[in-house]
Amino acid sequence: KGFKGNCSVSFIEQFKVLHQCNKYCEMLGLKSLQSTHQKQRKPMSTK
């Protein structure tokens, strides 16, 4: 939205991989980043 931060975009990628939800994330109803990241990296199964 027209704003550029002062840190590298790689911080966002690292956060997605390293963040572990806690009880406060759950209280706010935030979606787990681990399941999203794992789904993206899950190997394709061959049928």
All heavy atoms as atom14 arrays in JSON, in Angstrom:
{
  "sequence": "KGFKGNCSVSFIEQFKVLHQCNKYCEMLGLKSLQSTHQKQRKPMSTK",
  "atom14_mask": [
    [1, 1, 1, 1, 1, 1, 1, 1, 1, 0, 0, 0, 0, 0],
    [1, 1, 1, 1, 0, 0, 0, 0, 0, 0, 0, 0, 0, 0],
    [1, 1, 1, 1, 1, 1, 1, 1, 1, 1, 1, 0, 0, 0],
    [1, 1, 1, 1, 1, 1, 1, 1, 1, 0, 0, 0, 0, 0],
    [1, 1, 1, 1, 0, 0, 0, 0, 0, 0, 0, 0, 0, 0],
    [1, 1, 1, 1, 1, 1, 1, 1, 0, 0, 0, 0, 0, 0],
    [1, 1, 1, 1, 1, 1, 0, 0, 0, 0, 0, 0, 0, 0],
    [1, 1, 1, 1, 1, 1, 0, 0, 0, 0, 0, 0, 0, 0],
    [1, 1, 1, 1, 1, 1, 1, 0, 0, 0, 0, 0, 0, 0],
    [1, 1, 1, 1, 1, 1, 0, 0, 0, 0, 0, 0, 0, 0],
    [1, 1, 1, 1, 1, 1, 1, 1, 1, 1, 1, 0, 0, 0],
    [1, 1, 1, 1, 1, 1, 1, 1, 0, 0, 0, 0, 0, 0],
    [1, 1, 1, 1, 1, 1, 1, 1, 1, 0, 0, 0, 0, 0],
    [1, 1, 1, 1, 1, 1, 1, 1, 1, 0, 0, 0, 0, 0],
    [1, 1, 1, 1, 1, 1, 1, 1, 1, 1, 1, 0, 0, 0],
    [1, 1, 1, 1, 1, 1, 1, 1, 1, 0, 0, 0, 0, 0],
    [1, 1, 1, 1, 1, 1, 1, 0, 0, 0, 0, 0, 0, 0],
    [1, 1, 1, 1, 1, 1, 1, 1, 0, 0, 0, 0, 0, 0],
    [1, 1, 1, 1, 1, 1, 1, 1, 1, 1, 0, 0, 0, 0],
    [1, 1, 1, 1, 1, 1, 1, 1, 1, 0, 0, 0, 0, 0],
    [1, 1, 1, 1, 1, 1, 0, 0, 0, 0, 0, 0, 0, 0],
    [1, 1, 1, 1, 1, 1, 1, 1, 0, 0, 0, 0, 0, 0],
    [1, 1, 1, 1, 1, 1, 1, 1, 1, 0, 0, 0, 0, 0],
    [1, 1, 1, 1, 1, 1, 1, 1, 1, 1, 1, 1, 0, 0],
    [1, 1, 1, 1, 1, 1, 0, 0, 0, 0, 0, 0, 0, 0],
    [1, 1, 1, 1, 1, 1, 1, 1, 1, 0, 0, 0, 0, 0],
    [1, 1, 1, 1, 1, 1, 1, 1, 0, 0, 0, 0, 0, 0],
    [1, 1, 1, 1, 1, 1, 1, 1, 0, 0, 0, 0, 0, 0],
    [1, 1, 1, 1, 0, 0, 0, 0, 0, 0, 0, 0, 0, 0],
    [1, 1, 1, 1, 1, 1, 1, 1, 0, 0, 0, 0, 0, 0],
    [1, 1, 1, 1, 1, 1, 1, 1, 1, 0, 0, 0, 0, 0],
    [1, 1, 1, 1, 1, 1, 0, 0, 0, 0, 0, 0, 0, 0],
    [1, 1, 1, 1, 1, 1, 1, 1, 0, 0, 0, 0, 0, 0],
    [1, 1, 1, 1, 1, 1, 1, 1, 1, 0, 0, 0, 0, 0],
    [1, 1, 1, 1, 1, 1, 0, 0, 0, 0, 0, 0, 0, 0],
    [1, 1, 1, 1, 1, 1, 1, 0, 0, 0, 0, 0, 0, 0],
    [1, 1, 1, 1, 1, 1, 1, 1, 1, 1, 0, 0, 0, 0],
    [1, 1, 1, 1, 1, 1, 1, 1, 1, 0, 0, 0, 0, 0],
    [1, 1, 1, 1, 1, 1, 1, 1, 1, 0, 0, 0, 0, 0],
    [1, 1, 1, 1, 1, 1, 1, 1, 1, 0, 0, 0, 0, 0],
    [1, 1, 1, 1, 1, 1, 1, 1, 1, 1, 1, 0, 0, 0],
    [1, 1, 1, 1, 1, 1, 1, 1, 1, 0, 0, 0, 0, 0],
    [1, 1, 1, 1, 1, 1, 1, 0, 0, 0, 0, 0, 0, 0],
    [1, 1, 1, 1, 1, 1, 1, 1, 0, 0, 0, 0, 0, 0],
    [1, 1, 1, 1, 1, 1, 0, 0, 0, 0, 0, 0, 0, 0],
    [1, 1, 1, 1, 1, 1, 1, 0, 0, 0, 0, 0, 0, 0],
    [1, 1, 1, 1, 1, 1, 1, 1, 1, 0, 0, 0, 0, 0]
  ],
  "atom14_positions": [
    [[0.83, -1.21, 0.0], [0.0, 0.0, 0.0], [0.87, 1.27, 0.0], [0.64, 2.2, 0.76], [-0.96, 0.0, 1.19], [-1.97, -1.13, 1.14], [-2.99, -1.01, 2.22], [-4.03, -2.11, 2.06], [-5.11, -2.02, 3.01], [0.0, 0.0, 0.0], [0.0, 0.0, 0.0], [0.0, 0.0, 0.0], [0.0, 0.0, 0.0], [0.0, 0.0, 0.0]],
    [[1.9, 1.26, -0.83], [2.78, 2.42, -0.97], [3.87, 2.52, 0.08], [4.7, 3.41, 0.04], [0.0, 0.0, 0.0], [0.0, 0.0, 0.0], [0.0, 0.0, 0.0], [0.0, 0.0, 0.0], [0.0, 0.0, 0.0], [0.0, 0.0, 0.0], [0.0, 0.0, 0.0], [0.0, 0.0, 0.0], [0.0, 0.0, 0.0], [0.0, 0.0, 0.0]],
    [[3.91, 1.59, 1.02], [4.9, 1.63, 2.09], [5.97, 0.57, 1.85], [5.66, -0.57, 1.56], [4.21, 1.37, 3.45], [5.16, 1.31, 4.6], [5.66, 2.47, 5.17], [5.57, 0.09, 5.12], [6.54, 2.41, 6.24], [6.45, 0.01, 6.18], [6.93, 1.19, 6.74], [0.0, 0.0, 0.0], [0.0, 0.0, 0.0], [0.0, 0.0, 0.0]],
    [[7.23, 0.98, 1.96], [8.34, 0.02, 1.87], [9.03, 0.0, 3.22], [9.34, 1.04, 3.79], [9.32, 0.43, 0.78], [8.81, 0.11, -0.6], [9.94, -0.01, -1.58], [9.38, -0.48, -2.9], [10.34, -1.19, -3.68], [0.0, 0.0, 0.0], [0.0, 0.0, 0.0], [0.0, 0.0, 0.0], [0.0, 0.0, 0.0], [0.0, 0.0, 0.0]],
    [[9.28, -1.2, 3.72], [9.92, -1.33, 5.03], [11.42, -1.11, 4.97], [11.97, -0.75, 3.93], [0.0, 0.0, 0.0], [0.0, 0.0, 0.0], [0.0, 0.0, 0.0], [0.0, 0.0, 0.0], [0.0, 0.0, 0.0], [0.0, 0.0, 0.0], [0.0, 0.0, 0.0], [0.0, 0.0, 0.0], [0.0, 0.0, 0.0], [0.0, 0.0, 0.0]],
    [[12.07, -1.37, 6.1], [13.52, -1.18, 6.2], [14.26, -2.51, 6.36], [15.43, -2.53, 6.69], [13.85, -0.24, 7.37], [13.4, -0.78, 8.71], [12.56, -1.66, 8.8], [13.95, -0.23, 9.77], [0.0, 0.0, 0.0], [0.0, 0.0, 0.0], [0.0, 0.0, 0.0], [0.0, 0.0, 0.0], [0.0, 0.0, 0.0], [0.0, 0.0, 0.0]],
    [[13.56, -3.62, 6.15], [14.17, -4.95, 6.29], [13.95, -5.75, 5.0], [13.03, -5.49, 4.25], [13.54, -5.71, 7.46], [13.8, -4.91, 9.04], [0.0, 0.0, 0.0], [0.0, 0.0, 0.0], [0.0, 0.0, 0.0], [0.0, 0.0, 0.0], [0.0, 0.0, 0.0], [0.0, 0.0, 0.0], [0.0, 0.0, 0.0], [0.0, 0.0, 0.0]],
    [[14.8, -6.74, 4.8], [14.75, -7.57, 3.6], [13.49, -8.41, 3.53], [12.97, -8.87, 4.55], [15.98, -8.49, 3.59], [15.84, -9.5, 2.62], [0.0, 0.0, 0.0], [0.0, 0.0, 0.0], [0.0, 0.0, 0.0], [0.0, 0.0, 0.0], [0.0, 0.0, 0.0], [0.0, 0.0, 0.0], [0.0, 0.0, 0.0], [0.0, 0.0, 0.0]],
    [[13.01, -8.66, 2.31], [11.85, -9.52, 2.08], [12.13, -10.94, 2.57], [11.2, -11.68, 2.91], [11.43, -9.5, 0.59], [12.45, -10.19, -0.28], [10.05, -10.13, 0.41], [0.0, 0.0, 0.0], [0.0, 0.0, 0.0], [0.0, 0.0, 0.0], [0.0, 0.0, 0.0], [0.0, 0.0, 0.0], [0.0, 0.0, 0.0], [0.0, 0.0, 0.0]],
    [[13.4, -11.32, 2.66], [13.74, -12.68, 3.13], [13.26, -12.91, 4.56], [13.03, -14.04, 4.97], [15.24, -12.92, 3.03], [15.94, -12.09, 3.93], [0.0, 0.0, 0.0], [0.0, 0.0, 0.0], [0.0, 0.0, 0.0], [0.0, 0.0, 0.0], [0.0, 0.0, 0.0], [0.0, 0.0, 0.0], [0.0, 0.0, 0.0], [0.0, 0.0, 0.0]],
    [[13.09, -11.84, 5.34], [12.6, -11.98, 6.71], [11.19, -12.57, 6.72], [10.84, -13.33, 7.61], [12.57, -10.64, 7.44], [13.91, -9.95, 7.52], [13.99, -8.67, 8.04], [15.08, -10.55, 7.11], [15.2, -8.02, 8.14], [16.3, -9.91, 7.2], [16.36, -8.63, 7.72], [0.0, 0.0, 0.0], [0.0, 0.0, 0.0], [0.0, 0.0, 0.0]],
    [[10.4, -12.2, 5.73], [9.04, -12.72, 5.63], [9.09, -14.23, 5.36], [8.37, -15.01, 6.0], [8.23, -11.99, 4.53], [8.04, -10.51, 4.93], [6.89, -12.66, 4.29], [7.38, -9.65, 3.86], [0.0, 0.0, 0.0], [0.0, 0.0, 0.0], [0.0, 0.0, 0.0], [0.0, 0.0, 0.0], [0.0, 0.0, 0.0], [0.0, 0.0, 0.0]],
    [[9.95, -14.63, 4.43], [10.09, -16.06, 4.11], [10.56, -16.84, 5.34], [10.06, -17.92, 5.63], [11.06, -16.26, 2.94], [10.54, -15.69, 1.63], [9.19, -16.23, 1.22], [8.97, -17.45, 1.32], [8.32, -15.42, 0.83], [0.0, 0.0, 0.0], [0.0, 0.0, 0.0], [0.0, 0.0, 0.0], [0.0, 0.0, 0.0], [0.0, 0.0, 0.0]],
    [[11.55, -16.31, 6.05], [12.06, -16.98, 7.25], [10.98, -17.09, 8.31], [10.85, -18.12, 8.96], [13.26, -16.23, 7.81], [14.49, -16.34, 6.95], [15.63, -15.47, 7.46], [15.49, -14.75, 8.45], [16.76, -15.54, 6.78], [0.0, 0.0, 0.0], [0.0, 0.0, 0.0], [0.0, 0.0, 0.0], [0.0, 0.0, 0.0], [0.0, 0.0, 0.0]],
    [[10.21, -16.02, 8.48], [9.14, -16.03, 9.48], [8.13, -17.14, 9.18], [7.72, -17.87, 10.07], [8.44, -14.67, 9.54], [7.29, -14.66, 10.5], [7.5, -14.61, 11.87], [5.98, -14.71, 10.05], [6.44, -14.62, 12.77], [4.91, -14.71, 10.93], [5.15, -14.67, 12.29], [0.0, 0.0, 0.0], [0.0, 0.0, 0.0], [0.0, 0.0, 0.0]],
    [[7.75, -17.27, 7.9], [6.78, -18.3, 7.53], [7.27, -19.69, 7.92], [6.49, -20.53, 8.34], [6.52, -18.27, 6.02], [5.68, -17.11, 5.57], [5.17, -17.26, 4.15], [6.23, -17.45, 3.13], [5.76, -17.36, 1.74], [0.0, 0.0, 0.0], [0.0, 0.0, 0.0], [0.0, 0.0, 0.0], [0.0, 0.0, 0.0], [0.0, 0.0, 0.0]],
    [[8.55, -19.92, 7.8], [9.12, -21.24, 8.1], [9.31, -21.43, 9.6], [9.06, -22.51, 10.13], [10.47, -21.42, 7.36], [11.16, -22.7, 7.79], [10.25, -21.42, 5.86], [0.0, 0.0, 0.0], [0.0, 0.0, 0.0], [0.0, 0.0, 0.0], [0.0, 0.0, 0.0], [0.0, 0.0, 0.0], [0.0, 0.0, 0.0], [0.0, 0.0, 0.0]],
    [[9.75, -20.39, 10.31], [10.15, -20.54, 11.7], [9.05, -20.31, 12.73], [9.15, -20.78, 13.85], [11.31, -19.58, 12.01], [12.61, -19.85, 11.25], [13.6, -18.73, 11.48], [13.2, -21.18, 11.67], [0.0, 0.0, 0.0], [0.0, 0.0, 0.0], [0.0, 0.0, 0.0], [0.0, 0.0, 0.0], [0.0, 0.0, 0.0], [0.0, 0.0, 0.0]],
    [[8.02, -19.56, 12.38], [7.0, -19.22, 13.38], [6.26, -20.46, 13.88], [5.85, -21.31, 13.09], [5.99, -18.24, 12.8], [4.85, -17.95, 13.74], [5.0, -17.22, 14.88], [3.56, -18.34, 13.72], [3.84, -17.15, 15.52], [2.95, -17.83, 14.83], [0.0, 0.0, 0.0], [0.0, 0.0, 0.0], [0.0, 0.0, 0.0], [0.0, 0.0, 0.0]],
    [[6.12, -20.54, 15.18], [5.33, -21.6, 15.79], [4.19, -20.95, 16.55], [4.42, -20.12, 17.43], [6.19, -22.43, 16.74], [7.25, -23.21, 16.02], [8.13, -24.02, 16.97], [8.07, -23.85, 18.18], [8.95, -24.87, 16.4], [0.0, 0.0, 0.0], [0.0, 0.0, 0.0], [0.0, 0.0, 0.0], [0.0, 0.0, 0.0], [0.0, 0.0, 0.0]],
    [[2.98, -21.31, 16.2], [1.81, -20.71, 16.86], [1.8, -21.06, 18.34], [2.32, -22.09, 18.76], [0.53, -21.21, 16.2], [0.25, -20.49, 14.58], [0.0, 0.0, 0.0], [0.0, 0.0, 0.0], [0.0, 0.0, 0.0], [0.0, 0.0, 0.0], [0.0, 0.0, 0.0], [0.0, 0.0, 0.0], [0.0, 0.0, 0.0], [0.0, 0.0, 0.0]],
    [[1.2, -20.18, 19.12], [1.05, -20.4, 20.56], [-0.41, -20.16, 20.93], [-1.24, -19.93, 20.06], [2.01, -19.48, 21.34], [1.76, -18.01, 21.03], [0.64, -17.51, 21.13], [2.81, -17.29, 20.65], [0.0, 0.0, 0.0], [0.0, 0.0, 0.0], [0.0, 0.0, 0.0], [0.0, 0.0, 0.0], [0.0, 0.0, 0.0], [0.0, 0.0, 0.0]],
    [[-0.7, -20.21, 22.22], [-2.11, -20.09, 22.65], [-2.73, -18.75, 22.27], [-3.93, -18.67, 22.04], [-2.23, -20.33, 24.16], [-1.59, -19.27, 25.03], [-1.78, -19.61, 26.51], [-1.2, -18.53, 27.4], [-1.39, -18.84, 28.81], [0.0, 0.0, 0.0], [0.0, 0.0, 0.0], [0.0, 0.0, 0.0], [0.0, 0.0, 0.0], [0.0, 0.0, 0.0]],
    [[-1.92, -17.69, 22.14], [-2.46, -16.38, 21.77], [-2.84, -16.35, 20.29], [-3.82, -15.72, 19.91], [-1.49, -15.27, 22.15], [-1.21, -15.25, 23.63], [0.02, -15.67, 24.13], [-2.18, -14.85, 24.54], [0.28, -15.69, 25.5], [-1.94, -14.87, 25.91], [-0.71, -15.28, 26.38], [-0.47, -15.31, 27.74], [0.0, 0.0, 0.0], [0.0, 0.0, 0.0]],
    [[-2.06, -17.03, 19.45], [-2.42, -17.17, 18.03], [-3.77, -17.87, 17.92], [-4.64, -17.47, 17.14], [-1.36, -17.97, 17.27], [0.26, -17.21, 17.15], [0.0, 0.0, 0.0], [0.0, 0.0, 0.0], [0.0, 0.0, 0.0], [0.0, 0.0, 0.0], [0.0, 0.0, 0.0], [0.0, 0.0, 0.0], [0.0, 0.0, 0.0], [0.0, 0.0, 0.0]],
    [[-3.92, -18.93, 18.72], [-5.18, -19.7, 18.71], [-6.34, -18.85, 19.19], [-7.44, -18.9, 18.63], [-5.03, -20.95, 19.57], [-4.09, -21.98, 18.98], [-3.77, -23.12, 19.93], [-4.48, -23.28, 20.95], [-2.8, -23.86, 19.65], [0.0, 0.0, 0.0], [0.0, 0.0, 0.0], [0.0, 0.0, 0.0], [0.0, 0.0, 0.0], [0.0, 0.0, 0.0]],
    [[-6.12, -18.04, 20.25], [-7.2, -17.19, 20.78], [-7.7, -16.2, 19.73], [-8.88, -15.88, 19.7], [-6.71, -16.44, 22.03], [-6.53, -17.34, 23.24], [-5.79, -16.48, 24.64], [-7.23, -15.67, 25.31], [0.0, 0.0, 0.0], [0.0, 0.0, 0.0], [0.0, 0.0, 0.0], [0.0, 0.0, 0.0], [0.0, 0.0, 0.0], [0.0, 0.0, 0.0]],
    [[-6.78, -15.73, 18.87], [-7.16, -14.79, 17.82], [-7.66, -15.49, 16.57], [-8.07, -14.83, 15.61], [-5.97, -13.89, 17.47], [-5.7, -12.75, 18.43], [-4.34, -12.12, 18.17], [-6.79, -11.69, 18.35], [0.0, 0.0, 0.0], [0.0, 0.0, 0.0], [0.0, 0.0, 0.0], [0.0, 0.0, 0.0], [0.0, 0.0, 0.0], [0.0, 0.0, 0.0]],
    [[-7.61, -16.82, 16.56], [-8.09, -17.57, 15.4], [-7.18, -17.47, 14.19], [-7.64, -17.58, 13.05], [0.0, 0.0, 0.0], [0.0, 0.0, 0.0], [0.0, 0.0, 0.0], [0.0, 0.0, 0.0], [0.0, 0.0, 0.0], [0.0, 0.0, 0.0], [0.0, 0.0, 0.0], [0.0, 0.0, 0.0], [0.0, 0.0, 0.0], [0.0, 0.0, 0.0]],
    [[-5.88, -17.27, 14.41], [-4.93, -17.15, 13.3], [-4.67, -18.52, 12.7], [-4.59, -19.52, 13.42], [-3.62, -16.51, 13.78], [-3.77, -15.11, 14.39], [-2.43, -14.64, 14.95], [-4.32, -14.12, 13.38], [0.0, 0.0, 0.0], [0.0, 0.0, 0.0], [0.0, 0.0, 0.0], [0.0, 0.0, 0.0], [0.0, 0.0, 0.0], [0.0, 0.0, 0.0]],
    [[-4.49, -18.56, 11.39], [-4.24, -19.82, 10.69], [-2.78, -20.22, 10.85], [-1.89, -19.38, 10.72], [-4.56, -19.66, 9.2], [-6.0, -19.37, 8.92], [-6.21, -19.07, 7.45], [-7.61, -18.52, 7.22], [-7.67, -17.6, 6.12], [0.0, 0.0, 0.0], [0.0, 0.0, 0.0], [0.0, 0.0, 0.0], [0.0, 0.0, 0.0], [0.0, 0.0, 0.0]],
    [[-2.53, -21.49, 11.08], [-1.17, -21.99, 11.24], [-0.37, -21.79, 9.96], [-0.81, -22.12, 8.88], [-1.18, -23.47, 11.61], [0.14, -23.98, 11.58], [0.0, 0.0, 0.0], [0.0, 0.0, 0.0], [0.0, 0.0, 0.0], [0.0, 0.0, 0.0], [0.0, 0.0, 0.0], [0.0, 0.0, 0.0], [0.0, 0.0, 0.0], [0.0, 0.0, 0.0]],
    [[0.82, -21.21, 10.09], [1.7, -21.03, 8.94], [2.4, -22.33, 8.59], [2.77, -22.55, 7.44], [2.73, -19.95, 9.22], [2.17, -18.57, 9.57], [3.29, -17.6, 9.88], [1.32, -18.05, 8.44], [0.0, 0.0, 0.0], [0.0, 0.0, 0.0], [0.0, 0.0, 0.0], [0.0, 0.0, 0.0], [0.0, 0.0, 0.0], [0.0, 0.0, 0.0]],
    [[2.6, -23.2, 9.58], [3.29, -24.46, 9.35], [2.49, -25.36, 8.41], [3.05, -25.92, 7.49], [3.55, -25.2, 10.67], [4.51, -24.47, 11.58], [5.86, -24.18, 10.94], [6.43, -25.05, 10.31], [6.35, -22.98, 11.09], [0.0, 0.0, 0.0], [0.0, 0.0, 0.0], [0.0, 0.0, 0.0], [0.0, 0.0, 0.0], [0.0, 0.0, 0.0]],
    [[1.2, -25.46, 8.62], [0.41, -26.34, 7.75], [0.38, -25.79, 6.33], [0.46, -26.53, 5.37], [-1.01, -26.51, 8.29], [-1.67, -25.27, 8.35], [0.0, 0.0, 0.0], [0.0, 0.0, 0.0], [0.0, 0.0, 0.0], [0.0, 0.0, 0.0], [0.0, 0.0, 0.0], [0.0, 0.0, 0.0], [0.0, 0.0, 0.0], [0.0, 0.0, 0.0]],
    [[0.32, -24.47, 6.18], [0.33, -23.85, 4.85], [1.66, -24.13, 4.18], [1.72, -24.53, 3.03], [0.12, -22.32, 4.96], [-1.09, -22.1, 5.67], [0.05, -21.67, 3.6], [0.0, 0.0, 0.0], [0.0, 0.0, 0.0], [0.0, 0.0, 0.0], [0.0, 0.0, 0.0], [0.0, 0.0, 0.0], [0.0, 0.0, 0.0], [0.0, 0.0, 0.0]],
    [[2.75, -23.93, 4.93], [4.1, -24.13, 4.38], [4.32, -25.6, 4.03], [4.85, -25.92, 2.98], [5.14, -23.64, 5.38], [6.54, -23.82, 4.92], [7.07, -23.06, 3.91], [7.51, -24.69, 5.29], [8.32, -23.45, 3.68], [8.6, -24.44, 4.51], [0.0, 0.0, 0.0], [0.0, 0.0, 0.0], [0.0, 0.0, 0.0], [0.0, 0.0, 0.0]],
    [[3.86, -26.49, 4.89], [4.05, -27.92, 4.64], [3.24, -28.38, 3.44], [3.7, -29.19, 2.67], [3.68, -28.73, 5.89], [4.7, -28.58, 6.99], [4.2, -29.14, 8.32], [3.06, -29.53, 8.45], [5.09, -29.17, 9.3], [0.0, 0.0, 0.0], [0.0, 0.0, 0.0], [0.0, 0.0, 0.0], [0.0, 0.0, 0.0], [0.0, 0.0, 0.0]],
    [[2.04, -27.82, 3.27], [1.22, -28.2, 2.11], [1.91, -27.79, 0.82], [1.89, -28.5, -0.15], [-0.16, -27.53, 2.19], [-1.09, -28.18, 3.18], [-2.4, -27.44, 3.21], [-3.27, -27.91, 4.35], [-4.45, -27.08, 4.53], [0.0, 0.0, 0.0], [0.0, 0.0, 0.0], [0.0, 0.0, 0.0], [0.0, 0.0, 0.0], [0.0, 0.0, 0.0]],
    [[2.54, -26.59, 0.83], [3.21, -26.11, -0.36], [4.43, -26.97, -0.68], [4.77, -27.15, -1.83], [3.65, -24.66, -0.18], [2.49, -23.7, -0.13], [2.92, -22.3, 0.26], [4.05, -22.06, 0.64], [1.99, -21.37, 0.17], [0.0, 0.0, 0.0], [0.0, 0.0, 0.0], [0.0, 0.0, 0.0], [0.0, 0.0, 0.0], [0.0, 0.0, 0.0]],
    [[5.12, -27.47, 0.33], [6.35, -28.22, 0.13], [6.13, -29.73, 0.05], [7.05, -30.47, -0.16], [7.32, -27.9, 1.25], [7.67, -26.42, 1.28], [8.83, -26.19, 2.14], [9.98, -26.87, 1.57], [11.09, -26.29, 1.2], [11.22, -25.02, 1.33], [12.1, -26.98, 0.73], [0.0, 0.0, 0.0], [0.0, 0.0, 0.0], [0.0, 0.0, 0.0]],
    [[4.89, -30.17, 0.24], [4.58, -31.61, 0.24], [4.86, -32.18, -1.14], [4.43, -31.62, -2.15], [3.11, -31.8, 0.61], [2.73, -33.23, 0.9], [1.29, -33.28, 1.36], [0.89, -34.69, 1.68], [-0.5, -34.75, 2.12], [0.0, 0.0, 0.0], [0.0, 0.0, 0.0], [0.0, 0.0, 0.0], [0.0, 0.0, 0.0], [0.0, 0.0, 0.0]],
    [[5.58, -33.3, -1.22], [5.87, -33.87, -2.53], [4.58, -34.34, -3.2], [3.66, -34.82, -2.56], [6.79, -35.05, -2.22], [6.66, -35.31, -0.77], [6.15, -34.07, -0.12], [0.0, 0.0, 0.0], [0.0, 0.0, 0.0], [0.0, 0.0, 0.0], [0.0, 0.0, 0.0], [0.0, 0.0, 0.0], [0.0, 0.0, 0.0], [0.0, 0.0, 0.0]],
    [[4.58, -34.2, -4.5], [3.4, -34.6, -5.27], [3.34, -36.12, -5.28], [4.33, -36.79, -5.51], [3.52, -34.09, -6.72], [3.76, -32.6, -6.82], [2.33, -31.61, -7.14], [1.47, -32.39, -8.41], [0.0, 0.0, 0.0], [0.0, 0.0, 0.0], [0.0, 0.0, 0.0], [0.0, 0.0, 0.0], [0.0, 0.0, 0.0], [0.0, 0.0, 0.0]],
    [[2.19, -36.66, -5.01], [2.05, -38.12, -5.03], [1.69, -38.55, -6.45], [0.94, -37.87, -7.14], [0.99, -38.57, -4.03], [-0.26, -38.06, -4.42], [0.0, 0.0, 0.0], [0.0, 0.0, 0.0], [0.0, 0.0, 0.0], [0.0, 0.0, 0.0], [0.0, 0.0, 0.0], [0.0, 0.0, 0.0], [0.0, 0.0, 0.0], [0.0, 0.0, 0.0]],
    [[2.23, -39.66, -6.83], [1.9, -40.19, -8.16], [0.85, -41.27, -7.99], [1.01, -42.18, -7.19], [3.15, -40.77, -8.85], [3.71, -41.73, -7.99], [4.15, -39.69, -9.17], [0.0, 0.0, 0.0], [0.0, 0.0, 0.0], [0.0, 0.0, 0.0], [0.0, 0.0, 0.0], [0.0, 0.0, 0.0], [0.0, 0.0, 0.0], [0.0, 0.0, 0.0]],
    [[-0.21, -41.14, -8.72], [-1.3, -42.11, -8.64], [-1.1, -43.13, -9.75], [-0.78, -42.76, -10.87], [-2.65, -41.41, -8.8], [-2.96, -40.48, -7.66], [-4.32, -39.86, -7.85], [-4.62, -38.92, -6.71], [-5.9, -38.26, -6.88], [0.0, 0.0, 0.0], [0.0, 0.0, 0.0], [0.0, 0.0, 0.0], [0.0, 0.0, 0.0], [0.0, 0.0, 0.0]]
  ]
}
